[in-house]
Amino acid sequence: MRLDHLSYAAGPDGLAGTAARIGGLLGADFADGGVHPRFGTRNVILPLAAGTYLEIVEVLDHPASDKAPFGQAVRARSALGGGWLGWAVAVDDISTPEARLGRPAAKGSRHRPDGAELRWKQIGINGLIADPQLPYFIQWEVPAELHPGSGSTGEFSLACLEIAGDPQRVSEWLGESVEAPLEDVKVEWVAPHGTPGIIAAQIQTPNGLVRL
């Protein structure tokens, strides 16, 4: 179990506008990730060091976005003006969280602009919707070299994750200590005074530390 990626929902300026704004702050260009047909969403990505990545995601005018929990979550966050949606942890065997949550994982896929197909399974979006401090689980079904975080040059890395929430609650959700997926990430836990979830991510860039 490890931190896989952070998800940020596009704001009123849309996917391209949000990516340009955040990319300008970081001094980086996001890559087109493609459409998630099962979820009614699409994304752009920025690989980070340690095999993680930052995703900016937008809901599409597509029937799947009304049915799939992930599409619903993105739509709701964007309707609030956009911002941090949540975080995902990668697992080797998604049957463990499936058994604990009592339901099967959803299948996901997208085609990159170069034609490569990425496939995965994910579960836990309903938990994130109910309590945004909770991560969701993902199991990739592609070779490591196709993972979205594999293209990192090491210039950009996650220095710190600020979360409004309770580490004990997150540990119970994960089925093990929250330190497991975040052992290489500095985390600042803040008692929530409103909606729990990611407050900010501090990204180390070639030009210094940027807080998003």
N, C-alpha and C. Protein backbone atom coordinates (compact mmCIF):
# COMPACT_ATOMS: atom_id res chain seq x y z
N MET A 1 0.85 -1.19 0.00
CA MET A 1 0.00 0.00 0.00
C MET A 1 0.88 1.24 0.00
N ARG A 2 0.62 2.13 -0.94
CA ARG A 2 1.40 3.37 -1.04
C ARG A 2 0.54 4.47 -1.62
N LEU A 3 0.95 5.70 -1.41
CA LEU A 3 0.26 6.82 -2.02
C LEU A 3 0.39 6.72 -3.53
N ASP A 4 -0.74 6.73 -4.23
CA ASP A 4 -0.71 6.63 -5.69
C ASP A 4 -0.79 7.99 -6.34
N HIS A 5 -1.83 8.76 -6.01
CA HIS A 5 -1.97 10.08 -6.61
C HIS A 5 -2.92 10.97 -5.82
N LEU A 6 -2.89 12.26 -6.14
CA LEU A 6 -3.79 13.25 -5.59
C LEU A 6 -4.71 13.72 -6.70
N SER A 7 -5.98 13.91 -6.37
CA SER A 7 -6.95 14.35 -7.37
C SER A 7 -7.46 15.75 -7.04
N TYR A 8 -7.47 16.60 -8.05
CA TYR A 8 -7.91 17.99 -7.91
C TYR A 8 -9.02 18.22 -8.94
N ALA A 9 -10.18 18.68 -8.50
CA ALA A 9 -11.30 18.90 -9.40
C ALA A 9 -11.20 20.27 -10.07
N ALA A 10 -11.45 20.29 -11.36
CA ALA A 10 -11.39 21.53 -12.13
C ALA A 10 -12.39 22.55 -11.60
N GLY A 11 -12.04 23.82 -11.69
CA GLY A 11 -12.90 24.89 -11.23
C GLY A 11 -13.74 25.47 -12.36
N PRO A 12 -14.29 26.67 -12.18
CA PRO A 12 -15.15 27.29 -13.19
C PRO A 12 -14.45 27.53 -14.52
N ASP A 13 -13.11 27.62 -14.50
CA ASP A 13 -12.36 27.85 -15.74
C ASP A 13 -12.15 26.57 -16.54
N GLY A 14 -12.70 25.45 -16.07
CA GLY A 14 -12.61 24.20 -16.81
C GLY A 14 -11.26 23.52 -16.66
N LEU A 15 -11.14 22.37 -17.29
CA LEU A 15 -9.92 21.57 -17.15
C LEU A 15 -8.69 22.32 -17.68
N ALA A 16 -8.81 22.86 -18.88
CA ALA A 16 -7.66 23.54 -19.48
C ALA A 16 -7.26 24.77 -18.66
N GLY A 17 -8.26 25.54 -18.22
CA GLY A 17 -7.96 26.74 -17.45
C GLY A 17 -7.35 26.43 -16.10
N THR A 18 -7.89 25.41 -15.43
CA THR A 18 -7.36 25.01 -14.13
C THR A 18 -5.94 24.48 -14.26
N ALA A 19 -5.70 23.67 -15.30
CA ALA A 19 -4.37 23.12 -15.52
C ALA A 19 -3.36 24.23 -15.83
N ALA A 20 -3.79 25.23 -16.60
CA ALA A 20 -2.90 26.34 -16.93
C ALA A 20 -2.57 27.15 -15.68
N ARG A 21 -3.57 27.36 -14.84
CA ARG A 21 -3.38 28.14 -13.62
C ARG A 21 -2.43 27.44 -12.65
N ILE A 22 -2.69 26.15 -12.39
CA ILE A 22 -1.85 25.41 -11.46
C ILE A 22 -0.48 25.15 -12.07
N GLY A 23 -0.46 24.85 -13.36
CA GLY A 23 0.82 24.65 -14.03
C GLY A 23 1.68 25.90 -13.98
N GLY A 24 1.04 27.08 -14.08
CA GLY A 24 1.79 28.32 -14.00
C GLY A 24 2.41 28.52 -12.63
N LEU A 25 1.68 28.12 -11.58
CA LEU A 25 2.22 28.23 -10.22
C LEU A 25 3.42 27.30 -10.02
N LEU A 26 3.32 26.12 -10.62
CA LEU A 26 4.37 25.12 -10.43
C LEU A 26 5.52 25.28 -11.41
N GLY A 27 5.25 25.95 -12.53
CA GLY A 27 6.25 26.01 -13.59
C GLY A 27 6.33 24.69 -14.33
N ALA A 28 5.17 24.08 -14.56
CA ALA A 28 5.13 22.76 -15.20
C ALA A 28 3.95 22.69 -16.14
N ASP A 29 4.05 21.82 -17.13
CA ASP A 29 2.95 21.56 -18.05
C ASP A 29 2.32 20.21 -17.73
N PHE A 30 1.00 20.19 -17.62
CA PHE A 30 0.28 18.94 -17.41
C PHE A 30 0.10 18.22 -18.74
N ALA A 31 0.14 16.90 -18.69
CA ALA A 31 -0.04 16.08 -19.90
C ALA A 31 -1.48 15.60 -19.99
N ASP A 32 -2.00 15.54 -21.20
CA ASP A 32 -3.36 15.05 -21.42
C ASP A 32 -3.41 13.58 -21.01
N GLY A 33 -4.35 13.27 -20.10
CA GLY A 33 -4.46 11.89 -19.64
C GLY A 33 -5.50 11.09 -20.39
N GLY A 34 -6.49 11.77 -20.96
CA GLY A 34 -7.54 11.08 -21.69
C GLY A 34 -8.86 11.03 -20.93
N VAL A 35 -9.82 10.36 -21.54
CA VAL A 35 -11.19 10.26 -21.02
C VAL A 35 -11.39 8.96 -20.26
N HIS A 36 -12.12 9.03 -19.14
CA HIS A 36 -12.51 7.83 -18.39
C HIS A 36 -13.96 7.50 -18.79
N PRO A 37 -14.19 6.67 -19.78
CA PRO A 37 -15.55 6.45 -20.28
C PRO A 37 -16.50 5.84 -19.26
N ARG A 38 -15.99 5.05 -18.33
CA ARG A 38 -16.87 4.43 -17.34
C ARG A 38 -17.31 5.41 -16.26
N PHE A 39 -16.56 6.51 -16.11
CA PHE A 39 -16.85 7.46 -15.04
C PHE A 39 -17.39 8.79 -15.56
N GLY A 40 -17.30 9.02 -16.87
CA GLY A 40 -17.76 10.28 -17.41
C GLY A 40 -16.87 11.45 -17.03
N THR A 41 -15.56 11.22 -16.98
CA THR A 41 -14.60 12.25 -16.61
C THR A 41 -13.39 12.20 -17.53
N ARG A 42 -12.56 13.20 -17.45
CA ARG A 42 -11.28 13.19 -18.15
C ARG A 42 -10.27 13.91 -17.27
N ASN A 43 -8.98 13.68 -17.55
CA ASN A 43 -7.98 14.28 -16.68
C ASN A 43 -6.73 14.72 -17.44
N VAL A 44 -5.92 15.50 -16.74
CA VAL A 44 -4.55 15.81 -17.13
C VAL A 44 -3.69 15.46 -15.93
N ILE A 45 -2.43 15.13 -16.18
CA ILE A 45 -1.59 14.65 -15.09
C ILE A 45 -0.21 15.30 -15.08
N LEU A 46 0.38 15.30 -13.90
CA LEU A 46 1.76 15.73 -13.72
C LEU A 46 2.46 14.67 -12.87
N PRO A 47 3.39 13.90 -13.45
CA PRO A 47 4.12 12.91 -12.66
C PRO A 47 4.97 13.58 -11.59
N LEU A 48 4.99 12.98 -10.41
CA LEU A 48 5.82 13.45 -9.31
C LEU A 48 6.84 12.37 -8.96
N ALA A 49 7.82 12.73 -8.17
CA ALA A 49 8.82 11.76 -7.73
C ALA A 49 8.18 10.66 -6.90
N ALA A 50 8.88 9.56 -6.74
CA ALA A 50 8.45 8.43 -5.92
C ALA A 50 7.23 7.71 -6.50
N GLY A 51 7.02 7.83 -7.82
CA GLY A 51 5.97 7.06 -8.47
C GLY A 51 4.56 7.54 -8.21
N THR A 52 4.43 8.79 -7.75
CA THR A 52 3.10 9.36 -7.53
C THR A 52 2.81 10.38 -8.63
N TYR A 53 1.60 10.92 -8.64
CA TYR A 53 1.30 11.96 -9.62
C TYR A 53 0.14 12.82 -9.14
N LEU A 54 0.03 13.98 -9.76
CA LEU A 54 -1.05 14.92 -9.50
C LEU A 54 -1.99 14.88 -10.69
N GLU A 55 -3.26 14.74 -10.40
CA GLU A 55 -4.29 14.66 -11.43
C GLU A 55 -5.25 15.83 -11.27
N ILE A 56 -5.56 16.49 -12.38
CA ILE A 56 -6.66 17.44 -12.40
C ILE A 56 -7.75 16.79 -13.25
N VAL A 57 -8.96 16.74 -12.71
CA VAL A 57 -10.02 15.98 -13.37
C VAL A 57 -11.26 16.84 -13.56
N GLU A 58 -11.96 16.57 -14.65
CA GLU A 58 -13.16 17.33 -15.01
C GLU A 58 -14.28 16.35 -15.36
N VAL A 59 -15.49 16.69 -14.95
CA VAL A 59 -16.64 15.87 -15.29
C VAL A 59 -17.12 16.25 -16.69
N LEU A 60 -17.61 15.26 -17.44
CA LEU A 60 -18.10 15.47 -18.79
C LEU A 60 -19.63 15.45 -18.81
N ASP A 61 -20.19 16.00 -19.84
CA ASP A 61 -21.63 15.91 -20.05
C ASP A 61 -21.90 14.54 -20.67
N HIS A 62 -21.93 13.54 -19.81
CA HIS A 62 -21.97 12.14 -20.24
C HIS A 62 -22.82 11.36 -19.24
N PRO A 63 -23.67 10.44 -19.70
CA PRO A 63 -24.53 9.70 -18.78
C PRO A 63 -23.78 9.00 -17.66
N ALA A 64 -22.55 8.54 -17.95
CA ALA A 64 -21.79 7.81 -16.93
C ALA A 64 -21.48 8.68 -15.72
N SER A 65 -21.34 10.00 -15.94
CA SER A 65 -20.97 10.87 -14.83
C SER A 65 -22.09 11.00 -13.81
N ASP A 66 -23.32 10.70 -14.22
CA ASP A 66 -24.45 10.76 -13.29
C ASP A 66 -24.61 9.46 -12.51
N LYS A 67 -24.04 8.36 -13.03
CA LYS A 67 -24.20 7.05 -12.42
C LYS A 67 -22.99 6.62 -11.60
N ALA A 68 -21.81 6.94 -12.10
CA ALA A 68 -20.58 6.49 -11.43
C ALA A 68 -20.27 7.38 -10.23
N PRO A 69 -19.97 6.79 -9.08
CA PRO A 69 -19.62 7.59 -7.90
C PRO A 69 -18.48 8.59 -8.16
N PHE A 70 -17.49 8.17 -8.95
CA PHE A 70 -16.36 9.08 -9.20
C PHE A 70 -16.83 10.31 -9.97
N GLY A 71 -17.66 10.10 -10.99
CA GLY A 71 -18.21 11.23 -11.73
C GLY A 71 -19.04 12.13 -10.84
N GLN A 72 -19.82 11.53 -9.96
CA GLN A 72 -20.63 12.31 -9.02
C GLN A 72 -19.75 13.14 -8.10
N ALA A 73 -18.67 12.54 -7.62
CA ALA A 73 -17.77 13.24 -6.70
C ALA A 73 -17.09 14.42 -7.38
N VAL A 74 -16.65 14.22 -8.62
CA VAL A 74 -16.00 15.31 -9.36
C VAL A 74 -17.00 16.43 -9.62
N ARG A 75 -18.19 16.08 -10.05
CA ARG A 75 -19.21 17.08 -10.35
C ARG A 75 -19.52 17.92 -9.10
N ALA A 76 -19.67 17.26 -7.96
CA ALA A 76 -20.01 17.96 -6.72
C ALA A 76 -18.89 18.91 -6.31
N ARG A 77 -17.65 18.46 -6.42
CA ARG A 77 -16.52 19.32 -6.00
C ARG A 77 -16.36 20.49 -6.96
N SER A 78 -16.51 20.25 -8.24
CA SER A 78 -16.40 21.34 -9.21
C SER A 78 -17.52 22.36 -9.02
N ALA A 79 -18.71 21.87 -8.64
CA ALA A 79 -19.85 22.77 -8.42
C ALA A 79 -19.59 23.72 -7.25
N LEU A 80 -18.70 23.32 -6.35
CA LEU A 80 -18.34 24.16 -5.21
C LEU A 80 -17.19 25.11 -5.54
N GLY A 81 -16.77 25.10 -6.80
CA GLY A 81 -15.69 25.98 -7.21
C GLY A 81 -14.40 25.26 -7.54
N GLY A 82 -14.42 23.93 -7.44
CA GLY A 82 -13.21 23.16 -7.71
C GLY A 82 -12.31 23.08 -6.49
N GLY A 83 -11.23 22.35 -6.61
CA GLY A 83 -10.29 22.20 -5.50
C GLY A 83 -9.96 20.74 -5.24
N TRP A 84 -9.35 20.50 -4.11
CA TRP A 84 -8.90 19.14 -3.80
C TRP A 84 -10.08 18.19 -3.66
N LEU A 85 -10.00 17.10 -4.40
CA LEU A 85 -11.04 16.08 -4.37
C LEU A 85 -10.70 14.97 -3.39
N GLY A 86 -9.45 14.50 -3.44
CA GLY A 86 -9.06 13.42 -2.54
C GLY A 86 -7.73 12.82 -2.91
N TRP A 87 -7.42 11.70 -2.28
CA TRP A 87 -6.17 11.01 -2.54
C TRP A 87 -6.44 9.52 -2.68
N ALA A 88 -5.56 8.86 -3.41
CA ALA A 88 -5.73 7.43 -3.69
C ALA A 88 -4.50 6.67 -3.24
N VAL A 89 -4.74 5.46 -2.73
CA VAL A 89 -3.63 4.58 -2.36
C VAL A 89 -3.65 3.36 -3.27
N ALA A 90 -2.48 2.96 -3.72
CA ALA A 90 -2.36 1.80 -4.59
C ALA A 90 -2.19 0.55 -3.73
N VAL A 91 -2.89 -0.51 -4.11
CA VAL A 91 -2.78 -1.80 -3.41
C VAL A 91 -2.46 -2.87 -4.44
N ASP A 92 -1.81 -3.93 -3.98
CA ASP A 92 -1.47 -5.04 -4.86
C ASP A 92 -2.65 -5.98 -5.06
N ASP A 93 -3.54 -6.03 -4.07
CA ASP A 93 -4.68 -6.94 -4.14
C ASP A 93 -5.92 -6.21 -3.64
N ILE A 94 -6.75 -5.79 -4.57
CA ILE A 94 -7.92 -4.98 -4.20
C ILE A 94 -9.03 -5.83 -3.57
N SER A 95 -8.86 -7.14 -3.58
CA SER A 95 -9.87 -8.00 -2.97
C SER A 95 -9.96 -7.77 -1.46
N THR A 96 -8.85 -7.30 -0.85
CA THR A 96 -8.87 -7.04 0.59
C THR A 96 -9.82 -5.89 0.93
N PRO A 97 -9.69 -4.71 0.31
CA PRO A 97 -10.69 -3.67 0.59
C PRO A 97 -12.08 -4.04 0.07
N GLU A 98 -12.17 -4.83 -0.98
CA GLU A 98 -13.48 -5.29 -1.45
C GLU A 98 -14.18 -6.08 -0.36
N ALA A 99 -13.45 -6.99 0.28
CA ALA A 99 -14.03 -7.83 1.34
C ALA A 99 -14.43 -6.97 2.53
N ARG A 100 -13.61 -5.99 2.87
CA ARG A 100 -13.89 -5.15 4.02
C ARG A 100 -15.09 -4.23 3.77
N LEU A 101 -15.21 -3.74 2.54
CA LEU A 101 -16.30 -2.82 2.21
C LEU A 101 -17.56 -3.55 1.73
N GLY A 102 -17.42 -4.84 1.42
CA GLY A 102 -18.58 -5.65 1.07
C GLY A 102 -19.16 -5.39 -0.31
N ARG A 103 -18.32 -4.97 -1.25
CA ARG A 103 -18.79 -4.76 -2.62
C ARG A 103 -17.62 -4.87 -3.58
N PRO A 104 -17.89 -5.12 -4.85
CA PRO A 104 -16.81 -5.24 -5.82
C PRO A 104 -16.26 -3.88 -6.25
N ALA A 105 -15.02 -3.87 -6.66
CA ALA A 105 -14.41 -2.65 -7.17
C ALA A 105 -14.96 -2.32 -8.56
N ALA A 106 -14.90 -1.05 -8.91
CA ALA A 106 -15.31 -0.61 -10.24
C ALA A 106 -14.11 -0.68 -11.18
N LYS A 107 -14.36 -1.07 -12.40
CA LYS A 107 -13.30 -1.11 -13.41
C LYS A 107 -13.16 0.26 -14.04
N GLY A 108 -11.91 0.67 -14.25
CA GLY A 108 -11.65 1.95 -14.90
C GLY A 108 -10.68 1.77 -16.05
N SER A 109 -10.75 2.66 -17.01
CA SER A 109 -9.82 2.62 -18.14
C SER A 109 -9.79 3.99 -18.80
N ARG A 110 -8.72 4.24 -19.50
CA ARG A 110 -8.62 5.42 -20.36
C ARG A 110 -7.53 5.18 -21.39
N HIS A 111 -7.67 5.82 -22.52
CA HIS A 111 -6.65 5.76 -23.56
C HIS A 111 -5.86 7.06 -23.55
N ARG A 112 -4.54 6.93 -23.46
CA ARG A 112 -3.70 8.10 -23.57
C ARG A 112 -3.69 8.61 -25.01
N PRO A 113 -3.29 9.84 -25.23
CA PRO A 113 -3.23 10.36 -26.60
C PRO A 113 -2.36 9.52 -27.54
N ASP A 114 -1.37 8.81 -26.96
CA ASP A 114 -0.52 7.97 -27.82
C ASP A 114 -1.15 6.62 -28.12
N GLY A 115 -2.37 6.40 -27.62
CA GLY A 115 -3.09 5.17 -27.92
C GLY A 115 -2.97 4.09 -26.86
N ALA A 116 -2.04 4.24 -25.92
CA ALA A 116 -1.87 3.24 -24.87
C ALA A 116 -3.10 3.21 -23.96
N GLU A 117 -3.56 2.01 -23.64
CA GLU A 117 -4.72 1.87 -22.76
C GLU A 117 -4.26 1.59 -21.33
N LEU A 118 -4.79 2.37 -20.41
CA LEU A 118 -4.53 2.15 -18.99
C LEU A 118 -5.77 1.54 -18.37
N ARG A 119 -5.58 0.50 -17.56
CA ARG A 119 -6.69 -0.19 -16.92
C ARG A 119 -6.42 -0.32 -15.42
N TRP A 120 -7.48 -0.25 -14.64
CA TRP A 120 -7.35 -0.38 -13.19
C TRP A 120 -8.69 -0.74 -12.58
N LYS A 121 -8.66 -1.04 -11.30
CA LYS A 121 -9.88 -1.21 -10.51
C LYS A 121 -9.79 -0.25 -9.33
N GLN A 122 -10.92 0.30 -8.92
CA GLN A 122 -10.91 1.21 -7.78
C GLN A 122 -12.16 1.01 -6.94
N ILE A 123 -12.02 1.32 -5.65
CA ILE A 123 -13.13 1.19 -4.72
C ILE A 123 -12.92 2.20 -3.59
N GLY A 124 -14.01 2.68 -3.03
CA GLY A 124 -13.92 3.59 -1.89
C GLY A 124 -14.37 5.00 -2.19
N ILE A 125 -14.87 5.26 -3.40
CA ILE A 125 -15.29 6.61 -3.75
C ILE A 125 -16.49 7.03 -2.90
N ASN A 126 -17.39 6.11 -2.61
CA ASN A 126 -18.53 6.46 -1.76
C ASN A 126 -18.08 6.88 -0.37
N GLY A 127 -17.02 6.26 0.11
CA GLY A 127 -16.46 6.66 1.40
C GLY A 127 -15.89 8.06 1.34
N LEU A 128 -15.21 8.38 0.25
CA LEU A 128 -14.64 9.71 0.06
C LEU A 128 -15.75 10.76 -0.01
N ILE A 129 -16.85 10.43 -0.71
CA ILE A 129 -17.96 11.37 -0.82
C ILE A 129 -18.54 11.67 0.57
N ALA A 130 -18.68 10.63 1.39
CA ALA A 130 -19.25 10.80 2.72
C ALA A 130 -18.27 11.48 3.69
N ASP A 131 -16.98 11.21 3.51
CA ASP A 131 -15.97 11.71 4.44
C ASP A 131 -14.69 11.97 3.64
N PRO A 132 -14.50 13.18 3.09
CA PRO A 132 -13.41 13.46 2.14
C PRO A 132 -11.99 13.28 2.65
N GLN A 133 -11.82 13.04 3.95
CA GLN A 133 -10.46 12.76 4.43
C GLN A 133 -10.02 11.35 4.03
N LEU A 134 -10.99 10.49 3.69
CA LEU A 134 -10.68 9.09 3.41
C LEU A 134 -10.17 8.92 1.98
N PRO A 135 -9.11 8.14 1.80
CA PRO A 135 -8.64 7.87 0.44
C PRO A 135 -9.47 6.77 -0.21
N TYR A 136 -9.33 6.63 -1.51
CA TYR A 136 -9.90 5.46 -2.16
C TYR A 136 -8.77 4.55 -2.62
N PHE A 137 -9.11 3.33 -2.96
CA PHE A 137 -8.12 2.31 -3.27
C PHE A 137 -8.09 2.05 -4.78
N ILE A 138 -6.89 1.82 -5.29
CA ILE A 138 -6.74 1.55 -6.71
C ILE A 138 -5.73 0.42 -6.92
N GLN A 139 -6.05 -0.47 -7.84
CA GLN A 139 -5.12 -1.53 -8.24
C GLN A 139 -4.92 -1.40 -9.75
N TRP A 140 -3.71 -1.11 -10.15
CA TRP A 140 -3.40 -0.96 -11.58
C TRP A 140 -3.26 -2.31 -12.25
N GLU A 141 -3.69 -2.38 -13.49
CA GLU A 141 -3.62 -3.62 -14.26
C GLU A 141 -2.80 -3.40 -15.53
N VAL A 142 -1.75 -2.61 -15.40
CA VAL A 142 -0.83 -2.33 -16.51
C VAL A 142 0.59 -2.45 -16.00
N PRO A 143 1.57 -2.62 -16.90
CA PRO A 143 2.97 -2.66 -16.47
C PRO A 143 3.38 -1.36 -15.80
N ALA A 144 4.38 -1.44 -14.95
CA ALA A 144 4.82 -0.28 -14.17
C ALA A 144 5.19 0.90 -15.05
N GLU A 145 5.73 0.61 -16.25
CA GLU A 145 6.15 1.71 -17.11
C GLU A 145 4.99 2.52 -17.68
N LEU A 146 3.76 1.98 -17.58
CA LEU A 146 2.59 2.71 -18.05
C LEU A 146 1.89 3.48 -16.92
N HIS A 147 2.34 3.29 -15.70
CA HIS A 147 1.73 4.02 -14.58
C HIS A 147 1.93 5.51 -14.80
N PRO A 148 0.89 6.32 -14.54
CA PRO A 148 1.00 7.76 -14.79
C PRO A 148 2.14 8.46 -14.06
N GLY A 149 2.62 7.89 -12.98
CA GLY A 149 3.71 8.51 -12.26
C GLY A 149 5.08 8.10 -12.75
N SER A 150 5.13 7.21 -13.74
CA SER A 150 6.41 6.65 -14.17
C SER A 150 7.24 7.63 -15.00
N GLY A 151 6.60 8.70 -15.49
CA GLY A 151 7.34 9.63 -16.35
C GLY A 151 8.03 10.75 -15.60
N SER A 152 8.10 10.66 -14.28
CA SER A 152 8.69 11.74 -13.51
C SER A 152 10.19 11.87 -13.74
N THR A 153 10.66 13.12 -13.84
CA THR A 153 12.10 13.38 -13.95
C THR A 153 12.70 13.61 -12.58
N GLY A 154 11.85 13.67 -11.56
CA GLY A 154 12.32 13.91 -10.21
C GLY A 154 12.39 15.38 -9.84
N GLU A 155 12.06 16.26 -10.79
CA GLU A 155 12.12 17.70 -10.52
C GLU A 155 10.98 18.18 -9.64
N PHE A 156 9.87 17.43 -9.68
CA PHE A 156 8.70 17.81 -8.89
C PHE A 156 8.37 16.68 -7.92
N SER A 157 8.16 17.03 -6.67
CA SER A 157 7.87 16.00 -5.66
C SER A 157 6.90 16.55 -4.62
N LEU A 158 6.19 15.64 -3.98
CA LEU A 158 5.26 16.01 -2.92
C LEU A 158 6.06 16.15 -1.63
N ALA A 159 6.15 17.39 -1.13
CA ALA A 159 6.93 17.65 0.08
C ALA A 159 6.10 17.48 1.33
N CYS A 160 4.82 17.84 1.25
CA CYS A 160 3.96 17.76 2.43
C CYS A 160 2.51 17.74 2.00
N LEU A 161 1.72 16.96 2.72
CA LEU A 161 0.28 16.89 2.48
C LEU A 161 -0.42 17.37 3.74
N GLU A 162 -1.26 18.36 3.61
CA GLU A 162 -2.01 18.91 4.74
C GLU A 162 -3.44 18.37 4.67
N ILE A 163 -3.85 17.65 5.71
CA ILE A 163 -5.16 17.02 5.72
C ILE A 163 -5.93 17.43 6.97
N ALA A 164 -7.14 17.89 6.79
CA ALA A 164 -8.03 18.13 7.92
C ALA A 164 -8.75 16.81 8.20
N GLY A 165 -8.42 16.21 9.31
CA GLY A 165 -9.02 14.91 9.59
C GLY A 165 -8.39 14.24 10.80
N ASP A 166 -8.73 12.98 10.97
CA ASP A 166 -8.31 12.19 12.12
C ASP A 166 -7.53 10.99 11.62
N PRO A 167 -6.22 10.93 11.89
CA PRO A 167 -5.43 9.79 11.40
C PRO A 167 -5.94 8.44 11.89
N GLN A 168 -6.55 8.41 13.08
CA GLN A 168 -7.10 7.15 13.59
C GLN A 168 -8.27 6.70 12.72
N ARG A 169 -9.11 7.64 12.33
CA ARG A 169 -10.25 7.32 11.46
C ARG A 169 -9.76 6.81 10.11
N VAL A 170 -8.74 7.43 9.57
CA VAL A 170 -8.20 7.00 8.27
C VAL A 170 -7.55 5.63 8.40
N SER A 171 -6.86 5.38 9.51
CA SER A 171 -6.24 4.07 9.73
C SER A 171 -7.29 2.97 9.78
N GLU A 172 -8.40 3.24 10.44
CA GLU A 172 -9.49 2.26 10.50
C GLU A 172 -10.03 1.97 9.10
N TRP A 173 -10.13 2.99 8.28
CA TRP A 173 -10.62 2.84 6.91
C TRP A 173 -9.65 2.01 6.07
N LEU A 174 -8.35 2.27 6.27
CA LEU A 174 -7.34 1.56 5.49
C LEU A 174 -7.18 0.10 5.94
N GLY A 175 -7.52 -0.17 7.18
CA GLY A 175 -7.29 -1.52 7.70
C GLY A 175 -5.89 -1.70 8.23
N GLU A 176 -5.12 -0.65 8.26
CA GLU A 176 -3.78 -0.64 8.85
C GLU A 176 -3.40 0.81 9.10
N SER A 177 -2.25 1.02 9.73
CA SER A 177 -1.85 2.37 10.08
C SER A 177 -1.76 3.26 8.85
N VAL A 178 -2.23 4.48 8.99
CA VAL A 178 -2.16 5.43 7.88
C VAL A 178 -0.72 5.73 7.51
N GLU A 179 0.21 5.38 8.37
CA GLU A 179 1.62 5.61 8.06
C GLU A 179 2.10 4.70 6.94
N ALA A 180 1.38 3.60 6.68
CA ALA A 180 1.81 2.66 5.64
C ALA A 180 1.86 3.30 4.26
N PRO A 181 0.76 3.87 3.76
CA PRO A 181 0.83 4.47 2.43
C PRO A 181 1.52 5.84 2.41
N LEU A 182 1.71 6.44 3.58
CA LEU A 182 2.26 7.78 3.63
C LEU A 182 3.62 7.82 4.33
N GLU A 183 4.31 6.69 4.37
CA GLU A 183 5.56 6.62 5.12
C GLU A 183 6.65 7.53 4.53
N ASP A 184 6.56 7.81 3.22
CA ASP A 184 7.57 8.67 2.59
C ASP A 184 7.08 10.09 2.39
N VAL A 185 5.92 10.40 2.95
CA VAL A 185 5.32 11.72 2.76
C VAL A 185 5.13 12.39 4.11
N LYS A 186 5.55 13.63 4.22
CA LYS A 186 5.28 14.39 5.42
C LYS A 186 3.82 14.79 5.41
N VAL A 187 3.11 14.49 6.49
CA VAL A 187 1.69 14.81 6.58
C VAL A 187 1.44 15.69 7.81
N GLU A 188 0.71 16.76 7.60
CA GLU A 188 0.30 17.61 8.71
C GLU A 188 -1.20 17.41 8.89
N TRP A 189 -1.58 16.81 10.02
CA TRP A 189 -2.99 16.57 10.32
C TRP A 189 -3.54 17.76 11.10
N VAL A 190 -4.66 18.26 10.66
CA VAL A 190 -5.30 19.40 11.29
C VAL A 190 -6.71 18.98 11.68
N ALA A 191 -7.11 19.29 12.91
CA ALA A 191 -8.47 18.98 13.33
C ALA A 191 -9.45 19.76 12.45
N PRO A 192 -10.40 19.07 11.81
CA PRO A 192 -11.32 19.77 10.89
C PRO A 192 -12.25 20.73 11.60
N HIS A 193 -12.36 21.93 11.04
CA HIS A 193 -13.32 22.92 11.54
C HIS A 193 -14.32 23.20 10.42
N GLY A 194 -14.87 22.14 9.89
CA GLY A 194 -15.74 22.21 8.72
C GLY A 194 -15.61 20.91 7.97
N THR A 195 -15.52 20.99 6.66
CA THR A 195 -15.40 19.78 5.84
C THR A 195 -14.01 19.20 5.95
N PRO A 196 -13.88 17.90 6.28
CA PRO A 196 -12.56 17.28 6.32
C PRO A 196 -12.03 17.05 4.92
N GLY A 197 -10.76 16.69 4.82
CA GLY A 197 -10.17 16.39 3.52
C GLY A 197 -8.85 17.11 3.34
N ILE A 198 -8.31 17.04 2.13
CA ILE A 198 -7.04 17.69 1.83
C ILE A 198 -7.22 19.20 1.89
N ILE A 199 -6.37 19.85 2.66
CA ILE A 199 -6.36 21.31 2.73
C ILE A 199 -5.42 21.86 1.66
N ALA A 200 -4.24 21.27 1.57
CA ALA A 200 -3.23 21.75 0.64
C ALA A 200 -2.18 20.67 0.40
N ALA A 201 -1.49 20.81 -0.71
CA ALA A 201 -0.33 19.97 -1.01
C ALA A 201 0.84 20.90 -1.28
N GLN A 202 1.95 20.62 -0.64
CA GLN A 202 3.16 21.40 -0.87
C GLN A 202 4.03 20.64 -1.85
N ILE A 203 4.28 21.25 -2.98
CA ILE A 203 5.04 20.61 -4.06
C ILE A 203 6.42 21.25 -4.18
N GLN A 204 7.45 20.43 -4.13
CA GLN A 204 8.82 20.94 -4.33
C GLN A 204 9.07 21.03 -5.83
N THR A 205 9.45 22.20 -6.30
CA THR A 205 9.69 22.42 -7.72
C THR A 205 11.14 22.93 -7.91
N PRO A 206 11.60 22.97 -9.14
CA PRO A 206 12.96 23.50 -9.36
C PRO A 206 13.11 24.95 -8.90
N ASN A 207 11.97 25.66 -8.78
CA ASN A 207 12.03 27.06 -8.36
C ASN A 207 11.62 27.28 -6.91
N GLY A 208 11.51 26.17 -6.16
CA GLY A 208 11.16 26.28 -4.75
C GLY A 208 9.88 25.59 -4.40
N LEU A 209 9.43 25.78 -3.17
CA LEU A 209 8.26 25.11 -2.65
C LEU A 209 6.99 25.89 -3.02
N VAL A 210 6.00 25.18 -3.53
CA VAL A 210 4.72 25.80 -3.91
C VAL A 210 3.60 25.11 -3.14
N ARG A 211 2.76 25.89 -2.49
CA ARG A 211 1.63 25.35 -1.74
C ARG A 211 0.35 25.52 -2.55
N LEU A 212 -0.28 24.42 -2.87
CA LEU A 212 -1.51 24.46 -3.65
C LEU A 212 -2.71 24.20 -2.75
